Amino acid sequence: MKRTVKGAIVVEPGEGKRVGNVEFLAESADTERFNLSIVTKTPRSRGPEMHTHENEDDSFYVLDGEFVFEIEDERVTAGPGTFVLVPPGVMHTFANESDEPARMLNVHAPAGFDLRLS
């Protein structure tokens, strides 16, 4: 359950706003500074098409499994504990090319990403 405690937002496990395979923990309605979500990818699944964000930093922290990031024309394999920061204007995407599920934290700053996915 998501609740407010003396101005703080508390989201219980699994209770964030879900949009497909993305669970938003910090939404634009909570703060204009950033969105925080958990992205879960099934085995052998692609993420979004190559894209950029004009005015947002897009960052990722791998929790479980393995992701392959495509950043411009390079591929980066990222296992648990790997952090990737993609600044505005840099083409990128990601995929789970493994046979196991994978999860990562995703931070968009400033907020607004959740509003585009809804």
PDB file of N, CA and C in Angstrom:
ATOM      1  N   MET A   1       0.845  -1.184   0.000  1.00  0.00           N
ATOM      2  CA  MET A   1       0.000   0.000   0.000  1.00  0.00           C
ATOM      3  C   MET A   1       0.887   1.243   0.000  1.00  0.00           C
ATOM      4  N   LYS A   2       0.486   2.245  -0.754  1.00  0.00           N
ATOM      5  CA  LYS A   2       1.187   3.519  -0.773  1.00  0.00           C
ATOM      6  C   LYS A   2       0.485   4.454   0.196  1.00  0.00           C
ATOM      7  N   ARG A   3       1.293   5.101   1.054  1.00  0.00           N
ATOM      8  CA  ARG A   3       0.677   6.008   2.028  1.00  0.00           C
ATOM      9  C   ARG A   3       1.619   7.163   2.336  1.00  0.00           C
ATOM     10  N   THR A   4       1.072   8.199   2.953  1.00  0.00           N
ATOM     11  CA  THR A   4       1.848   9.354   3.369  1.00  0.00           C
ATOM     12  C   THR A   4       1.951   9.341   4.885  1.00  0.00           C
ATOM     13  N   VAL A   5       3.173   9.510   5.386  1.00  0.00           N
ATOM     14  CA  VAL A   5       3.425   9.556   6.824  1.00  0.00           C
ATOM     15  C   VAL A   5       4.169  10.853   7.105  1.00  0.00           C
ATOM     16  N   LYS A   6       3.469  11.824   7.679  1.00  0.00           N
ATOM     17  CA  LYS A   6       4.065  13.120   8.012  1.00  0.00           C
ATOM     18  C   LYS A   6       4.817  13.726   6.824  1.00  0.00           C
ATOM     19  N   GLY A   7       4.207  13.635   5.645  1.00  0.00           N
ATOM     20  CA  GLY A   7       4.773  14.217   4.434  1.00  0.00           C
ATOM     21  C   GLY A   7       5.669  13.281   3.641  1.00  0.00           C
ATOM     22  N   ALA A   8       6.084  12.173   4.229  1.00  0.00           N
ATOM     23  CA  ALA A   8       6.919  11.191   3.518  1.00  0.00           C
ATOM     24  C   ALA A   8       6.023  10.184   2.806  1.00  0.00           C
ATOM     25  N   ILE A   9       6.475   9.722   1.651  1.00  0.00           N
ATOM     26  CA  ILE A   9       5.744   8.706   0.892  1.00  0.00           C
ATOM     27  C   ILE A   9       6.329   7.339   1.242  1.00  0.00           C
ATOM     28  N   VAL A  10       5.457   6.400   1.594  1.00  0.00           N
ATOM     29  CA  VAL A  10       5.872   5.034   1.914  1.00  0.00           C
ATOM     30  C   VAL A  10       5.134   4.097   0.964  1.00  0.00           C
ATOM     31  N   VAL A  11       5.891   3.285   0.227  1.00  0.00           N
ATOM     32  CA  VAL A  11       5.299   2.330  -0.703  1.00  0.00           C
ATOM     33  C   VAL A  11       5.711   0.930  -0.252  1.00  0.00           C
ATOM     34  N   GLU A  12       4.737   0.123   0.105  1.00  0.00           N
ATOM     35  CA  GLU A  12       5.010  -1.245   0.540  1.00  0.00           C
ATOM     36  C   GLU A  12       5.458  -2.091  -0.655  1.00  0.00           C
ATOM     37  N   PRO A  13       6.162  -3.194  -0.415  1.00  0.00           N
ATOM     38  CA  PRO A  13       6.644  -4.042  -1.515  1.00  0.00           C
ATOM     39  C   PRO A  13       5.513  -4.456  -2.462  1.00  0.00           C
ATOM     40  N   GLY A  14       5.757  -4.248  -3.765  1.00  0.00           N
ATOM     41  CA  GLY A  14       4.790  -4.643  -4.774  1.00  0.00           C
ATOM     42  C   GLY A  14       3.584  -3.740  -4.916  1.00  0.00           C
ATOM     43  N   GLU A  15       3.564  -2.614  -4.189  1.00  0.00           N
ATOM     44  CA  GLU A  15       2.379  -1.757  -4.172  1.00  0.00           C
ATOM     45  C   GLU A  15       2.537  -0.465  -4.962  1.00  0.00           C
ATOM     46  N   GLY A  16       3.592  -0.347  -5.758  1.00  0.00           N
ATOM     47  CA  GLY A  16       3.750   0.836  -6.594  1.00  0.00           C
ATOM     48  C   GLY A  16       2.766   0.824  -7.751  1.00  0.00           C
ATOM     49  N   LYS A  17       2.683   1.945  -8.442  1.00  0.00           N
ATOM     50  CA  LYS A  17       1.798   2.054  -9.618  1.00  0.00           C
ATOM     51  C   LYS A  17       2.417   1.258 -10.758  1.00  0.00           C
ATOM     52  N   ARG A  18       1.682   0.294 -11.290  1.00  0.00           N
ATOM     53  CA  ARG A  18       2.200  -0.565 -12.357  1.00  0.00           C
ATOM     54  C   ARG A  18       1.729  -0.078 -13.725  1.00  0.00           C
ATOM     55  N   VAL A  19       2.703  -0.006 -14.636  1.00  0.00           N
ATOM     56  CA  VAL A  19       2.428   0.258 -16.048  1.00  0.00           C
ATOM     57  C   VAL A  19       3.222  -0.804 -16.800  1.00  0.00           C
ATOM     58  N   GLY A  20       2.552  -1.859 -17.211  1.00  0.00           N
ATOM     59  CA  GLY A  20       3.235  -2.978 -17.866  1.00  0.00           C
ATOM     60  C   GLY A  20       4.249  -3.621 -16.937  1.00  0.00           C
ATOM     61  N   ASN A  21       5.498  -3.665 -17.376  1.00  0.00           N
ATOM     62  CA  ASN A  21       6.558  -4.298 -16.586  1.00  0.00           C
ATOM     63  C   ASN A  21       7.291  -3.303 -15.691  1.00  0.00           C
ATOM     64  N   VAL A  22       6.734  -2.106 -15.515  1.00  0.00           N
ATOM     65  CA  VAL A  22       7.361  -1.052 -14.710  1.00  0.00           C
ATOM     66  C   VAL A  22       6.491  -0.783 -13.485  1.00  0.00           C
ATOM     67  N   GLU A  23       7.129  -0.792 -12.309  1.00  0.00           N
ATOM     68  CA  GLU A  23       6.442  -0.447 -11.064  1.00  0.00           C
ATOM     69  C   GLU A  23       7.017   0.868 -10.553  1.00  0.00           C
ATOM     70  N   PHE A  24       6.203   1.931 -10.597  1.00  0.00           N
ATOM     71  CA  PHE A  24       6.657   3.245 -10.135  1.00  0.00           C
ATOM     72  C   PHE A  24       6.526   3.350  -8.622  1.00  0.00           C
ATOM     73  N   LEU A  25       7.629   3.707  -7.974  1.00  0.00           N
ATOM     74  CA  LEU A  25       7.647   3.918  -6.528  1.00  0.00           C
ATOM     75  C   LEU A  25       7.563   5.406  -6.196  1.00  0.00           C
ATOM     76  N   ALA A  26       8.220   6.247  -6.983  1.00  0.00           N
ATOM     77  CA  ALA A  26       8.126   7.706  -6.837  1.00  0.00           C
ATOM     78  C   ALA A  26       7.557   8.251  -8.138  1.00  0.00           C
ATOM     79  N   GLU A  27       6.352   8.787  -8.050  1.00  0.00           N
ATOM     80  CA  GLU A  27       5.651   9.322  -9.213  1.00  0.00           C
ATOM     81  C   GLU A  27       5.779  10.837  -9.260  1.00  0.00           C
ATOM     82  N   SER A  28       5.427  11.406 -10.394  1.00  0.00           N
ATOM     83  CA  SER A  28       5.474  12.859 -10.553  1.00  0.00           C
ATOM     84  C   SER A  28       4.570  13.569  -9.553  1.00  0.00           C
ATOM     85  N   ALA A  29       3.471  12.933  -9.179  1.00  0.00           N
ATOM     86  CA  ALA A  29       2.574  13.525  -8.179  1.00  0.00           C
ATOM     87  C   ALA A  29       3.228  13.580  -6.799  1.00  0.00           C
ATOM     88  N   ASP A  30       4.245  12.739  -6.577  1.00  0.00           N
ATOM     89  CA  ASP A  30       4.943  12.707  -5.283  1.00  0.00           C
ATOM     90  C   ASP A  30       6.060  13.748  -5.215  1.00  0.00           C
ATOM     91  N   THR A  31       6.788  13.903  -6.328  1.00  0.00           N
ATOM     92  CA  THR A  31       7.899  14.851  -6.408  1.00  0.00           C
ATOM     93  C   THR A  31       8.144  15.217  -7.861  1.00  0.00           C
ATOM     94  N   GLU A  32       8.468  16.470  -8.104  1.00  0.00           N
ATOM     95  CA  GLU A  32       8.783  16.900  -9.475  1.00  0.00           C
ATOM     96  C   GLU A  32      10.254  16.671  -9.809  1.00  0.00           C
ATOM     97  N   ARG A  33      11.038  16.220  -8.827  1.00  0.00           N
ATOM     98  CA  ARG A  33      12.478  16.091  -9.011  1.00  0.00           C
ATOM     99  C   ARG A  33      12.902  14.829  -9.763  1.00  0.00           C
ATOM    100  N   PHE A  34      12.171  13.720  -9.579  1.00  0.00           N
ATOM    101  CA  PHE A  34      12.558  12.463 -10.227  1.00  0.00           C
ATOM    102  C   PHE A  34      11.414  11.465 -10.192  1.00  0.00           C
ATOM    103  N   ASN A  35      11.520  10.435 -11.041  1.00  0.00           N
ATOM    104  CA  ASN A  35      10.684   9.233 -10.957  1.00  0.00           C
ATOM    105  C   ASN A  35      11.605   8.081 -10.628  1.00  0.00           C
ATOM    106  N   LEU A  36      11.152   7.193  -9.753  1.00  0.00           N
ATOM    107  CA  LEU A  36      11.893   5.981  -9.408  1.00  0.00           C
ATOM    108  C   LEU A  36      10.989   4.792  -9.684  1.00  0.00           C
ATOM    109  N   SER A  37      11.532   3.814 -10.405  1.00  0.00           N
ATOM    110  CA  SER A  37      10.736   2.631 -10.715  1.00  0.00           C
ATOM    111  C   SER A  37      11.610   1.393 -10.683  1.00  0.00           C
ATOM    112  N   ILE A  38      10.933   0.241 -10.641  1.00  0.00           N
ATOM    113  CA  ILE A  38      11.592  -1.050 -10.813  1.00  0.00           C
ATOM    114  C   ILE A  38      11.115  -1.602 -12.151  1.00  0.00           C
ATOM    115  N   VAL A  39      12.077  -1.907 -13.010  1.00  0.00           N
ATOM    116  CA  VAL A  39      11.784  -2.475 -14.327  1.00  0.00           C
ATOM    117  C   VAL A  39      12.096  -3.967 -14.261  1.00  0.00           C
ATOM    118  N   THR A  40      11.137  -4.793 -14.630  1.00  0.00           N
ATOM    119  CA  THR A  40      11.317  -6.248 -14.665  1.00  0.00           C
ATOM    120  C   THR A  40      11.209  -6.711 -16.111  1.00  0.00           C
ATOM    121  N   LYS A  41      12.197  -7.481 -16.553  1.00  0.00           N
ATOM    122  CA  LYS A  41      12.176  -8.013 -17.915  1.00  0.00           C
ATOM    123  C   LYS A  41      12.231  -9.532 -17.859  1.00  0.00           C
ATOM    124  N   THR A  42      11.362 -10.150 -18.619  1.00  0.00           N
ATOM    125  CA  THR A  42      11.349 -11.603 -18.728  1.00  0.00           C
ATOM    126  C   THR A  42      12.555 -12.049 -19.556  1.00  0.00           C
ATOM    127  N   PRO A  43      12.911 -13.330 -19.473  1.00  0.00           N
ATOM    128  CA  PRO A  43      14.035 -13.820 -20.270  1.00  0.00           C
ATOM    129  C   PRO A  43      13.835 -13.550 -21.766  1.00  0.00           C
ATOM    130  N   ARG A  44      14.938 -13.236 -22.414  1.00  0.00           N
ATOM    131  CA  ARG A  44      14.962 -13.043 -23.868  1.00  0.00           C
ATOM    132  C   ARG A  44      13.970 -11.980 -24.345  1.00  0.00           C
ATOM    133  N   SER A  45      13.911 -10.857 -23.627  1.00  0.00           N
ATOM    134  CA  SER A  45      12.981  -9.790 -24.014  1.00  0.00           C
ATOM    135  C   SER A  45      13.713  -8.467 -24.204  1.00  0.00           C
ATOM    136  N   ARG A  46      13.206  -7.693 -25.148  1.00  0.00           N
ATOM    137  CA  ARG A  46      13.786  -6.389 -25.470  1.00  0.00           C
ATOM    138  C   ARG A  46      13.115  -5.300 -24.660  1.00  0.00           C
ATOM    139  N   GLY A  47      13.822  -4.208 -24.497  1.00  0.00           N
ATOM    140  CA  GLY A  47      13.259  -3.009 -23.899  1.00  0.00           C
ATOM    141  C   GLY A  47      12.690  -2.126 -24.995  1.00  0.00           C
ATOM    142  N   PRO A  48      12.697  -0.820 -24.774  1.00  0.00           N
ATOM    143  CA  PRO A  48      12.165   0.100 -25.792  1.00  0.00           C
ATOM    144  C   PRO A  48      13.091   0.186 -27.002  1.00  0.00           C
ATOM    145  N   GLU A  49      12.587   0.756 -28.074  1.00  0.00           N
ATOM    146  CA  GLU A  49      13.428   1.057 -29.243  1.00  0.00           C
ATOM    147  C   GLU A  49      14.524   2.034 -28.809  1.00  0.00           C
ATOM    148  N   MET A  50      15.615   2.101 -29.583  1.00  0.00           N
ATOM    149  CA  MET A  50      16.655   3.099 -29.308  1.00  0.00           C
ATOM    150  C   MET A  50      15.997   4.472 -29.230  1.00  0.00           C
ATOM    151  N   HIS A  51      16.366   5.247 -28.215  1.00  0.00           N
ATOM    152  CA  HIS A  51      15.727   6.543 -28.005  1.00  0.00           C
ATOM    153  C   HIS A  51      16.653   7.461 -27.205  1.00  0.00           C
ATOM    154  N   THR A  52      16.274   8.716 -27.134  1.00  0.00           N
ATOM    155  CA  THR A  52      16.958   9.689 -26.290  1.00  0.00           C
ATOM    156  C   THR A  52      15.910  10.398 -25.439  1.00  0.00           C
ATOM    157  N   HIS A  53      16.391  11.067 -24.422  1.00  0.00           N
ATOM    158  CA  HIS A  53      15.546  11.965 -23.625  1.00  0.00           C
ATOM    159  C   HIS A  53      16.166  13.344 -23.743  1.00  0.00           C
ATOM    160  N   GLU A  54      15.385  14.294 -24.205  1.00  0.00           N
ATOM    161  CA  GLU A  54      15.911  15.634 -24.462  1.00  0.00           C
ATOM    162  C   GLU A  54      16.322  16.355 -23.187  1.00  0.00           C
ATOM    163  N   ASN A  55      15.544  16.193 -22.123  1.00  0.00           N
ATOM    164  CA  ASN A  55      15.778  16.979 -20.910  1.00  0.00           C
ATOM    165  C   ASN A  55      15.843  16.136 -19.639  1.00  0.00           C
ATOM    166  N   GLU A  56      16.136  14.842 -19.773  1.00  0.00           N
ATOM    167  CA  GLU A  56      16.150  13.968 -18.593  1.00  0.00           C
ATOM    168  C   GLU A  56      17.418  13.138 -18.545  1.00  0.00           C
ATOM    169  N   ASP A  57      17.938  12.963 -17.342  1.00  0.00           N
ATOM    170  CA  ASP A  57      18.920  11.921 -17.084  1.00  0.00           C
ATOM    171  C   ASP A  57      18.132  10.631 -16.889  1.00  0.00           C
ATOM    172  N   ASP A  58      18.624   9.544 -17.450  1.00  0.00           N
ATOM    173  CA  ASP A  58      17.989   8.234 -17.323  1.00  0.00           C
ATOM    174  C   ASP A  58      19.044   7.317 -16.708  1.00  0.00           C
ATOM    175  N   SER A  59      18.797   6.835 -15.500  1.00  0.00           N
ATOM    176  CA  SER A  59      19.809   6.012 -14.831  1.00  0.00           C
ATOM    177  C   SER A  59      19.228   4.673 -14.416  1.00  0.00           C
ATOM    178  N   PHE A  60      20.117   3.688 -14.339  1.00  0.00           N
ATOM    179  CA  PHE A  60      19.727   2.299 -14.094  1.00  0.00           C
ATOM    180  C   PHE A  60      20.689   1.672 -13.094  1.00  0.00           C
ATOM    181  N   TYR A  61      20.142   0.873 -12.180  1.00  0.00           N
ATOM    182  CA  TYR A  61      20.953   0.102 -11.231  1.00  0.00           C
ATOM    183  C   TYR A  61      20.420  -1.327 -11.251  1.00  0.00           C
ATOM    184  N   VAL A  62      21.234  -2.257 -11.724  1.00  0.00           N
ATOM    185  CA  VAL A  62      20.781  -3.637 -11.893  1.00  0.00           C
ATOM    186  C   VAL A  62      20.701  -4.326 -10.525  1.00  0.00           C
ATOM    187  N   LEU A  63      19.521  -4.888 -10.235  1.00  0.00           N
ATOM    188  CA  LEU A  63      19.277  -5.599  -8.977  1.00  0.00           C
ATOM    189  C   LEU A  63      19.520  -7.099  -9.123  1.00  0.00           C
ATOM    190  N   ASP A  64      18.903  -7.699 -10.135  1.00  0.00           N
ATOM    191  CA  ASP A  64      18.964  -9.152 -10.352  1.00  0.00           C
ATOM    192  C   ASP A  64      19.111  -9.424 -11.834  1.00  0.00           C
ATOM    193  N   GLY A  65      19.799 -10.504 -12.165  1.00  0.00           N
ATOM    194  CA  GLY A  65      19.910 -10.914 -13.553  1.00  0.00           C
ATOM    195  C   GLY A  65      20.927 -10.074 -14.299  1.00  0.00           C
ATOM    196  N   GLU A  66      20.744 -10.006 -15.617  1.00  0.00           N
ATOM    197  CA  GLU A  66      21.709  -9.330 -16.465  1.00  0.00           C
ATOM    198  C   GLU A  66      20.997  -8.598 -17.597  1.00  0.00           C
ATOM    199  N   PHE A  67      21.395  -7.358 -17.811  1.00  0.00           N
ATOM    200  CA  PHE A  67      20.878  -6.556 -18.916  1.00  0.00           C
ATOM    201  C   PHE A  67      22.012  -6.270 -19.881  1.00  0.00           C
ATOM    202  N   VAL A  68      21.651  -6.112 -21.143  1.00  0.00           N
ATOM    203  CA  VAL A  68      22.589  -5.613 -22.140  1.00  0.00           C
ATOM    204  C   VAL A  68      22.073  -4.243 -22.559  1.00  0.00           C
ATOM    205  N   PHE A  69      22.882  -3.213 -22.305  1.00  0.00           N
ATOM    206  CA  PHE A  69      22.545  -1.855 -22.708  1.00  0.00           C
ATOM    207  C   PHE A  69      23.208  -1.554 -24.037  1.00  0.00           C
ATOM    208  N   GLU A  70      22.471  -0.922 -24.922  1.00  0.00           N
ATOM    209  CA  GLU A  70      23.047  -0.369 -26.141  1.00  0.00           C
ATOM    210  C   GLU A  70      23.085   1.134 -25.932  1.00  0.00           C
ATOM    211  N   ILE A  71      24.290   1.684 -25.953  1.00  0.00           N
ATOM    212  CA  ILE A  71      24.491   3.110 -25.743  1.00  0.00           C
ATOM    213  C   ILE A  71      25.194   3.634 -26.985  1.00  0.00           C
ATOM    214  N   GLU A  72      24.429   4.404 -27.776  1.00  0.00           N
ATOM    215  CA  GLU A  72      24.901   4.815 -29.097  1.00  0.00           C
ATOM    216  C   GLU A  72      25.274   3.556 -29.879  1.00  0.00           C
ATOM    217  N   ASP A  73      26.550   3.356 -30.234  1.00  0.00           N
ATOM    218  CA  ASP A  73      26.935   2.188 -31.028  1.00  0.00           C
ATOM    219  C   ASP A  73      27.715   1.151 -30.219  1.00  0.00           C
ATOM    220  N   GLU A  74      27.620   1.227 -28.883  1.00  0.00           N
ATOM    221  CA  GLU A  74      28.326   0.254 -28.039  1.00  0.00           C
ATOM    222  C   GLU A  74      27.352  -0.552 -27.188  1.00  0.00           C
ATOM    223  N   ARG A  75      27.739  -1.799 -26.909  1.00  0.00           N
ATOM    224  CA  ARG A  75      26.954  -2.692 -26.040  1.00  0.00           C
ATOM    225  C   ARG A  75      27.684  -2.843 -24.706  1.00  0.00           C
ATOM    226  N   VAL A  76      26.926  -2.778 -23.631  1.00  0.00           N
ATOM    227  CA  VAL A  76      27.479  -2.934 -22.285  1.00  0.00           C
ATOM    228  C   VAL A  76      26.670  -4.006 -21.570  1.00  0.00           C
ATOM    229  N   THR A  77      27.327  -5.057 -21.115  1.00  0.00           N
ATOM    230  CA  THR A  77      26.664  -6.094 -20.331  1.00  0.00           C
ATOM    231  C   THR A  77      26.728  -5.682 -18.866  1.00  0.00           C
ATOM    232  N   ALA A  78      25.570  -5.688 -18.200  1.00  0.00           N
ATOM    233  CA  ALA A  78      25.470  -5.168 -16.838  1.00  0.00           C
ATOM    234  C   ALA A  78      24.810  -6.188 -15.920  1.00  0.00           C
ATOM    235  N   GLY A  79      25.558  -6.683 -14.944  1.00  0.00           N
ATOM    236  CA  GLY A  79      25.032  -7.603 -13.950  1.00  0.00           C
ATOM    237  C   GLY A  79      24.671  -6.876 -12.672  1.00  0.00           C
ATOM    238  N   PRO A  80      24.258  -7.613 -11.642  1.00  0.00           N
ATOM    239  CA  PRO A  80      23.853  -7.013 -10.368  1.00  0.00           C
ATOM    240  C   PRO A  80      24.926  -6.071  -9.816  1.00  0.00           C
ATOM    241  N   GLY A  81      24.473  -4.897  -9.374  1.00  0.00           N
ATOM    242  CA  GLY A  81      25.366  -3.904  -8.808  1.00  0.00           C
ATOM    243  C   GLY A  81      25.905  -2.915  -9.822  1.00  0.00           C
ATOM    244  N   THR A  82      25.623  -3.125 -11.105  1.00  0.00           N
ATOM    245  CA  THR A  82      26.105  -2.207 -12.141  1.00  0.00           C
ATOM    246  C   THR A  82      25.174  -1.000 -12.230  1.00  0.00           C
ATOM    247  N   PHE A  83      25.784   0.180 -12.341  1.00  0.00           N
ATOM    248  CA  PHE A  83      25.048   1.445 -12.487  1.00  0.00           C
ATOM    249  C   PHE A  83      25.363   2.033 -13.854  1.00  0.00           C
ATOM    250  N   VAL A  84      24.322   2.488 -14.557  1.00  0.00           N
ATOM    251  CA  VAL A  84      24.467   3.126 -15.861  1.00  0.00           C
ATOM    252  C   VAL A  84      23.724   4.461 -15.811  1.00  0.00           C
ATOM    253  N   LEU A  85      24.406   5.541 -16.148  1.00  0.00           N
ATOM    254  CA  LEU A  85      23.799   6.876 -16.212  1.00  0.00           C
ATOM    255  C   LEU A  85      23.851   7.357 -17.652  1.00  0.00           C
ATOM    256  N   VAL A  86      22.679   7.611 -18.235  1.00  0.00           N
ATOM    257  CA  VAL A  86      22.579   8.078 -19.610  1.00  0.00           C
ATOM    258  C   VAL A  86      22.112   9.532 -19.580  1.00  0.00           C
ATOM    259  N   PRO A  87      22.979  10.471 -19.978  1.00  0.00           N
ATOM    260  CA  PRO A  87      22.587  11.880 -19.955  1.00  0.00           C
ATOM    261  C   PRO A  87      21.650  12.230 -21.112  1.00  0.00           C
ATOM    262  N   PRO A  88      21.037  13.403 -21.059  1.00  0.00           N
ATOM    263  CA  PRO A  88      20.160  13.828 -22.142  1.00  0.00           C
ATOM    264  C   PRO A  88      20.878  13.788 -23.496  1.00  0.00           C
ATOM    265  N   GLY A  89      20.134  13.392 -24.526  1.00  0.00           N
ATOM    266  CA  GLY A  89      20.645  13.409 -25.885  1.00  0.00           C
ATOM    267  C   GLY A  89      21.427  12.185 -26.321  1.00  0.00           C
ATOM    268  N   VAL A  90      21.644  11.206 -25.432  1.00  0.00           N
ATOM    269  CA  VAL A  90      22.410  10.005 -25.771  1.00  0.00           C
ATOM    270  C   VAL A  90      21.442   8.877 -26.116  1.00  0.00           C
ATOM    271  N   MET A  91      21.593   8.309 -27.319  1.00  0.00           N
ATOM    272  CA  MET A  91      20.738   7.199 -27.756  1.00  0.00           C
ATOM    273  C   MET A  91      21.014   5.966 -26.894  1.00  0.00           C
ATOM    274  N   HIS A  92      19.930   5.270 -26.498  1.00  0.00           N
ATOM    275  CA  HIS A  92      20.113   4.082 -25.664  1.00  0.00           C
ATOM    276  C   HIS A  92      18.874   3.191 -25.687  1.00  0.00           C
ATOM    277  N   THR A  93      19.094   1.944 -25.300  1.00  0.00           N
ATOM    278  CA  THR A  93      18.041   0.975 -25.045  1.00  0.00           C
ATOM    279  C   THR A  93      18.650  -0.132 -24.202  1.00  0.00           C
ATOM    280  N   PHE A  94      17.848  -1.136 -23.865  1.00  0.00           N
ATOM    281  CA  PHE A  94      18.340  -2.264 -23.079  1.00  0.00           C
ATOM    282  C   PHE A  94      17.519  -3.501 -23.402  1.00  0.00           C
ATOM    283  N   ALA A  95      18.071  -4.660 -23.034  1.00  0.00           N
ATOM    284  CA  ALA A  95      17.383  -5.932 -23.251  1.00  0.00           C
ATOM    285  C   ALA A  95      17.845  -6.931 -22.206  1.00  0.00           C
ATOM    286  N   ASN A  96      17.022  -7.932 -21.982  1.00  0.00           N
ATOM    287  CA  ASN A  96      17.428  -9.087 -21.187  1.00  0.00           C
ATOM    288  C   ASN A  96      17.643 -10.215 -22.188  1.00  0.00           C
ATOM    289  N   GLU A  97      18.896 -10.493 -22.496  1.00  0.00           N
ATOM    290  CA  GLU A  97      19.220 -11.535 -23.470  1.00  0.00           C
ATOM    291  C   GLU A  97      19.466 -12.885 -22.816  1.00  0.00           C
ATOM    292  N   SER A  98      19.311 -12.958 -21.505  1.00  0.00           N
ATOM    293  CA  SER A  98      19.597 -14.189 -20.764  1.00  0.00           C
ATOM    294  C   SER A  98      18.359 -15.084 -20.670  1.00  0.00           C
ATOM    295  N   ASP A  99      18.547 -16.243 -20.058  1.00  0.00           N
ATOM    296  CA  ASP A  99      17.448 -17.190 -19.858  1.00  0.00           C
ATOM    297  C   ASP A  99      16.782 -17.026 -18.495  1.00  0.00           C
ATOM    298  N   GLU A 100      17.149 -15.987 -17.751  1.00  0.00           N
ATOM    299  CA  GLU A 100      16.596 -15.727 -16.418  1.00  0.00           C
ATOM    300  C   GLU A 100      15.933 -14.347 -16.393  1.00  0.00           C
ATOM    301  N   PRO A 101      14.943 -14.140 -15.506  1.00  0.00           N
ATOM    302  CA  PRO A 101      14.360 -12.798 -15.351  1.00  0.00           C
ATOM    303  C   PRO A 101      15.424 -11.815 -14.853  1.00  0.00           C
ATOM    304  N   ALA A 102      15.197 -10.539 -15.107  1.00  0.00           N
ATOM    305  CA  ALA A 102      16.125  -9.504 -14.652  1.00  0.00           C
ATOM    306  C   ALA A 102      15.326  -8.302 -14.136  1.00  0.00           C
ATOM    307  N   ARG A 103      15.885  -7.636 -13.103  1.00  0.00           N
ATOM    308  CA  ARG A 103      15.228  -6.456 -12.528  1.00  0.00           C
ATOM    309  C   ARG A 103      16.261  -5.356 -12.311  1.00  0.00           C
ATOM    310  N   MET A 104      15.805  -4.105 -12.475  1.00  0.00           N
ATOM    311  CA  MET A 104      16.677  -2.967 -12.206  1.00  0.00           C
ATOM    312  C   MET A 104      15.867  -1.785 -11.710  1.00  0.00           C
ATOM    313  N   LEU A 105      16.532  -0.949 -10.921  1.00  0.00           N
ATOM    314  CA  LEU A 105      15.966   0.341 -10.546  1.00  0.00           C
ATOM    315  C   LEU A 105      16.201   1.295 -11.701  1.00  0.00           C
ATOM    316  N   ASN A 106      15.240   2.167 -11.949  1.00  0.00           N
ATOM    317  CA  ASN A 106      15.354   3.167 -12.999  1.00  0.00           C
ATOM    318  C   ASN A 106      14.959   4.512 -12.416  1.00  0.00           C
ATOM    319  N   VAL A 107      15.841   5.504 -12.560  1.00  0.00           N
ATOM    320  CA  VAL A 107      15.560   6.861 -12.101  1.00  0.00           C
ATOM    321  C   VAL A 107      15.587   7.792 -13.300  1.00  0.00           C
ATOM    322  N   HIS A 108      14.494   8.516 -13.494  1.00  0.00           N
ATOM    323  CA  HIS A 108      14.419   9.595 -14.486  1.00  0.00           C
ATOM    324  C   HIS A 108      14.393  10.902 -13.724  1.00  0.00           C
ATOM    325  N   ALA A 109      15.263  11.840 -14.109  1.00  0.00           N
ATOM    326  CA  ALA A 109      15.280  13.142 -13.453  1.00  0.00           C
ATOM    327  C   ALA A 109      15.399  14.235 -14.516  1.00  0.00           C
ATOM    328  N   PRO A 110      14.511  15.215 -14.457  1.00  0.00           N
ATOM    329  CA  PRO A 110      13.424  15.394 -13.508  1.00  0.00           C
ATOM    330  C   PRO A 110      12.257  14.443 -13.785  1.00  0.00           C
ATOM    331  N   ALA A 111      11.225  14.534 -12.959  1.00  0.00           N
ATOM    332  CA  ALA A 111      10.045  13.670 -13.067  1.00  0.00           C
ATOM    333  C   ALA A 111       9.300  13.945 -14.374  1.00  0.00           C
ATOM    334  N   GLY A 112       8.366  13.074 -14.686  1.00  0.00           N
ATOM    335  CA  GLY A 112       7.510  13.216 -15.857  1.00  0.00           C
ATOM    336  C   GLY A 112       7.417  11.955 -16.685  1.00  0.00           C
ATOM    337  N   PHE A 113       8.385  11.050 -16.510  1.00  0.00           N
ATOM    338  CA  PHE A 113       8.393   9.812 -17.286  1.00  0.00           C
ATOM    339  C   PHE A 113       7.127   8.996 -17.023  1.00  0.00           C
ATOM    340  N   ASP A 114       6.688   8.916 -15.773  1.00  0.00           N
ATOM    341  CA  ASP A 114       5.493   8.147 -15.449  1.00  0.00           C
ATOM    342  C   ASP A 114       4.258   8.692 -16.159  1.00  0.00           C
ATOM    343  N   LEU A 115       4.208   9.982 -16.372  1.00  0.00           N
ATOM    344  CA  LEU A 115       3.054  10.579 -17.042  1.00  0.00           C
ATOM    345  C   LEU A 115       3.021  10.193 -18.525  1.00  0.00           C
ATOM    346  N   ARG A 116       4.182  10.002 -19.128  1.00  0.00           N
ATOM    347  CA  ARG A 116       4.235   9.595 -20.536  1.00  0.00           C
ATOM    348  C   ARG A 116       3.880   8.130 -20.715  1.00  0.00           C
ATOM    349  N   LEU A 117       4.141   7.302 -19.711  1.00  0.00           N
ATOM    350  CA  LEU A 117       3.822   5.863 -19.826  1.00  0.00           C
ATOM    351  C   LEU A 117       2.373   5.554 -19.491  1.00  0.00           C
ATOM    352  N   SER A 118       1.760   6.384 -18.697  1.00  0.00           N
ATOM    353  CA  SER A 118       0.387   6.100 -18.217  1.00  0.00           C
ATOM    354  C   SER A 118      -0.617   6.101 -19.346  1.00  0.00           C
TER     355      SER A 118
END
